[in-house]
Amino acid sequence: MLYFLIVVAVLLLAYAGVLVSFVRKGRKIPPAAYLVLAALNGLILAAVIAWAIARR
C-alpha cells in the first residue's frame, strides 16, 4: 500500500508540474484538469484512510 501511495503522489506532482508549465507559457488550464487533480487527490486521501484503517 505504501508503494501505491508513493506512485500516486509522484503522478500528482508530475501532473501539477505539467499544469505549472501551462501557466508559465501563458496558456489557460483546461477545466477538465481540475477534475483530474481532484480525482488524484481523492485517490490519495482514500488510500491514506484505507492504509490507516489497515494498520489499526
Protein backbone atom coordinates (compact mmCIF):
# COMPACT_ATOMS: atom_id res chain seq x y z
CA MET A 1 0.00 0.00 0.00
CA LEU A 2 2.86 2.36 0.73
CA TYR A 3 4.23 1.90 -2.79
CA PHE A 4 0.81 2.70 -4.21
CA LEU A 5 0.74 5.94 -2.22
CA ILE A 6 4.20 6.86 -3.46
CA VAL A 7 3.26 6.19 -7.09
CA VAL A 8 0.08 8.25 -6.87
CA ALA A 9 1.94 11.09 -5.12
CA VAL A 10 4.58 11.12 -7.87
CA LEU A 11 1.85 11.16 -10.52
CA LEU A 12 0.19 14.08 -8.76
CA LEU A 13 3.46 16.03 -8.60
CA ALA A 14 4.19 15.34 -12.28
CA TYR A 15 0.69 16.43 -13.30
CA ALA A 16 0.98 19.59 -11.21
CA GLY A 17 4.31 20.28 -12.94
CA VAL A 18 2.63 20.00 -16.32
CA LEU A 19 -0.07 22.44 -15.24
CA VAL A 20 2.54 24.88 -13.93
CA SER A 21 4.32 24.74 -17.29
CA PHE A 22 0.99 25.55 -18.98
CA VAL A 23 0.59 28.63 -16.80
CA ARG A 24 4.17 29.78 -17.37
CA LYS A 25 3.65 29.58 -21.14
CA GLY A 26 0.60 31.82 -20.78
CA ARG A 27 -1.96 29.13 -21.57
CA LYS A 28 -5.16 28.68 -19.63
CA ILE A 29 -5.64 25.48 -17.66
CA PRO A 30 -8.50 23.44 -19.15
CA PRO A 31 -11.46 22.86 -16.81
CA ALA A 32 -11.01 19.08 -17.07
CA ALA A 33 -7.57 19.46 -15.48
CA TYR A 34 -9.20 20.43 -12.20
CA LEU A 35 -11.26 17.23 -12.28
CA VAL A 36 -8.11 15.16 -12.76
CA LEU A 37 -6.41 16.95 -9.86
CA ALA A 38 -9.46 16.34 -7.68
CA ALA A 39 -9.51 12.66 -8.65
CA LEU A 40 -5.82 12.20 -7.84
CA ASN A 41 -6.22 13.99 -4.51
CA GLY A 42 -9.27 11.87 -3.70
CA LEU A 43 -7.35 8.72 -4.58
CA ILE A 44 -4.54 9.71 -2.23
CA LEU A 45 -6.99 10.55 0.54
CA ALA A 46 -8.85 7.25 0.15
CA ALA A 47 -5.58 5.29 0.11
CA VAL A 48 -4.29 7.04 3.24
CA ILE A 49 -7.55 6.34 5.07
CA ALA A 50 -7.51 2.68 3.95
CA TRP A 51 -3.87 2.36 4.98
CA ALA A 52 -4.58 3.87 8.41
CA ILE A 53 -7.51 1.51 8.97
CA ALA A 54 -5.45 -1.50 7.85
CA ARG A 55 -2.64 -0.63 10.25
CA ARG A 56 -5.06 -0.46 13.17
